[in-house]
Amino acid sequence: MDDAKTDLAAAKARLGAFAKASPALMKGFAEVSRTASAAGSFTSAQKELMAVAISVATRCEDCILYHVDGARRHGAAEADLVEALEVAVEMGGGPAVMYAGKALAAFRSLG
């Protein structure tokens, strides 16, 4: 994740290519994503931060980029991200520490 903007664009391009290859599946997945990230008891920013924490704990670099970008777009502050990353580290151990650093670097780079 040396250049988060370039990496995010590449991840979105891969996602777009898969969407063209499997439009029915991705239409359904897009609806799941819209529903899951819509504001309710939690704000959209809070939900994106949850997704970042899960992405870190499961070690998905493209997911980290996608959801860090979403969190930023919905108004999450860096301090909010750091709190979510602390939970990710609690749940993911040492490897999550490494991916937490990647998520923080992406947040700063996308700003």
Protein backbone atom coordinates (compact mmCIF):
# COMPACT_ATOMS: atom_id res chain seq x y z
CA MET A 1 0.00 0.00 0.00
CA ASP A 2 2.71 2.42 -0.96
CA ASP A 3 0.28 4.59 -2.92
CA ALA A 4 -3.18 4.10 -1.45
CA LYS A 5 -4.94 6.10 -4.18
CA THR A 6 -3.40 3.98 -6.95
CA ASP A 7 -4.01 0.79 -5.00
CA LEU A 8 -7.65 1.74 -4.35
CA ALA A 9 -8.19 2.52 -8.04
CA ALA A 10 -6.69 -0.86 -8.97
CA ALA A 11 -8.92 -2.66 -6.43
CA LYS A 12 -11.99 -0.89 -7.80
CA ALA A 13 -10.96 -1.82 -11.36
CA ARG A 14 -10.66 -5.49 -10.35
CA LEU A 15 -14.05 -5.29 -8.67
CA GLY A 16 -15.52 -3.70 -11.81
CA ALA A 17 -14.05 -6.42 -14.02
CA PHE A 18 -15.58 -9.09 -11.80
CA ALA A 19 -18.91 -7.24 -11.84
CA LYS A 20 -18.90 -7.41 -15.64
CA ALA A 21 -18.07 -11.12 -15.53
CA SER A 22 -20.76 -11.88 -12.93
CA PRO A 23 -23.36 -9.10 -13.05
CA ALA A 24 -26.16 -10.94 -11.26
CA LEU A 25 -23.99 -11.87 -8.29
CA MET A 26 -22.48 -8.40 -8.02
CA LYS A 27 -25.90 -6.74 -8.28
CA GLY A 28 -26.97 -8.75 -5.23
CA PHE A 29 -23.71 -8.06 -3.42
CA ALA A 30 -24.03 -4.33 -4.13
CA GLU A 31 -27.47 -4.36 -2.52
CA VAL A 32 -26.08 -6.18 0.54
CA SER A 33 -23.30 -3.58 0.75
CA ARG A 34 -25.72 -0.64 0.44
CA THR A 35 -27.98 -2.09 3.12
CA ALA A 36 -25.11 -2.93 5.47
CA SER A 37 -23.53 0.52 5.22
CA ALA A 38 -26.73 2.58 5.43
CA ALA A 39 -27.12 4.68 8.55
CA GLY A 40 -29.36 3.29 11.27
CA SER A 41 -28.50 2.99 14.95
CA PHE A 42 -24.89 3.36 13.78
CA THR A 43 -23.84 6.05 11.34
CA SER A 44 -22.47 5.07 7.95
CA ALA A 45 -19.03 6.20 9.14
CA GLN A 46 -19.24 3.92 12.18
CA LYS A 47 -20.29 1.00 10.00
CA GLU A 48 -17.38 1.63 7.65
CA LEU A 49 -15.03 1.70 10.63
CA MET A 50 -16.41 -1.69 11.71
CA ALA A 51 -15.70 -2.94 8.22
CA VAL A 52 -12.14 -1.59 8.43
CA ALA A 53 -11.60 -3.42 11.73
CA ILE A 54 -12.89 -6.67 10.24
CA SER A 55 -10.74 -6.12 7.14
CA VAL A 56 -7.65 -5.68 9.31
CA ALA A 57 -8.43 -8.74 11.43
CA THR A 58 -9.00 -10.87 8.32
CA ARG A 59 -6.01 -9.35 6.50
CA CYS A 60 -7.76 -8.17 3.32
CA GLU A 61 -5.73 -5.30 1.88
CA ASP A 62 -8.25 -4.37 -0.82
CA CYS A 63 -11.04 -4.41 1.79
CA ILE A 64 -8.97 -2.12 4.01
CA LEU A 65 -8.57 0.39 1.18
CA TYR A 66 -12.22 0.24 0.17
CA HIS A 67 -13.59 0.67 3.69
CA VAL A 68 -11.01 3.27 4.82
CA ASP A 69 -12.10 5.27 1.79
CA GLY A 70 -15.74 4.78 2.77
CA ALA A 71 -15.07 5.81 6.35
CA ARG A 72 -13.31 8.99 5.18
CA ARG A 73 -16.12 9.82 2.74
CA HIS A 74 -18.68 9.46 5.55
CA GLY A 75 -16.73 11.80 7.82
CA ALA A 76 -14.75 9.48 10.10
CA ALA A 77 -11.81 11.17 11.81
CA GLU A 78 -8.38 9.61 12.14
CA ALA A 79 -8.94 9.23 15.89
CA ASP A 80 -12.09 7.20 15.15
CA LEU A 81 -10.10 4.95 12.85
CA VAL A 82 -7.41 4.43 15.48
CA GLU A 83 -10.04 3.29 18.01
CA ALA A 84 -11.47 0.82 15.50
CA LEU A 85 -7.94 -0.42 14.75
CA GLU A 86 -7.35 -0.99 18.46
CA VAL A 87 -10.33 -3.36 18.51
CA ALA A 88 -9.04 -5.07 15.36
CA VAL A 89 -5.68 -5.64 17.03
CA GLU A 90 -7.38 -7.03 20.13
CA MET A 91 -9.25 -9.53 17.96
CA GLY A 92 -6.54 -10.22 15.38
CA GLY A 93 -3.32 -10.26 17.40
CA GLY A 94 0.12 -9.59 15.96
CA PRO A 95 -0.81 -9.86 12.27
CA ALA A 96 -3.58 -7.31 12.82
CA VAL A 97 -0.98 -4.87 14.18
CA MET A 98 0.77 -4.98 10.80
CA TYR A 99 -2.48 -4.47 8.86
CA ALA A 100 -3.58 -1.73 11.26
CA GLY A 101 -0.48 0.17 10.22
CA LYS A 102 -1.47 -0.30 6.58
CA ALA A 103 -4.99 0.98 7.29
CA LEU A 104 -3.67 4.09 9.06
CA ALA A 105 -1.24 4.78 6.20
CA ALA A 106 -4.08 4.42 3.69
CA PHE A 107 -6.29 6.83 5.69
CA ARG A 108 -3.54 9.41 5.71
CA SER A 109 -2.68 8.86 2.04
CA LEU A 110 -6.27 9.14 0.85
CA GLY A 111 -6.74 12.49 2.62
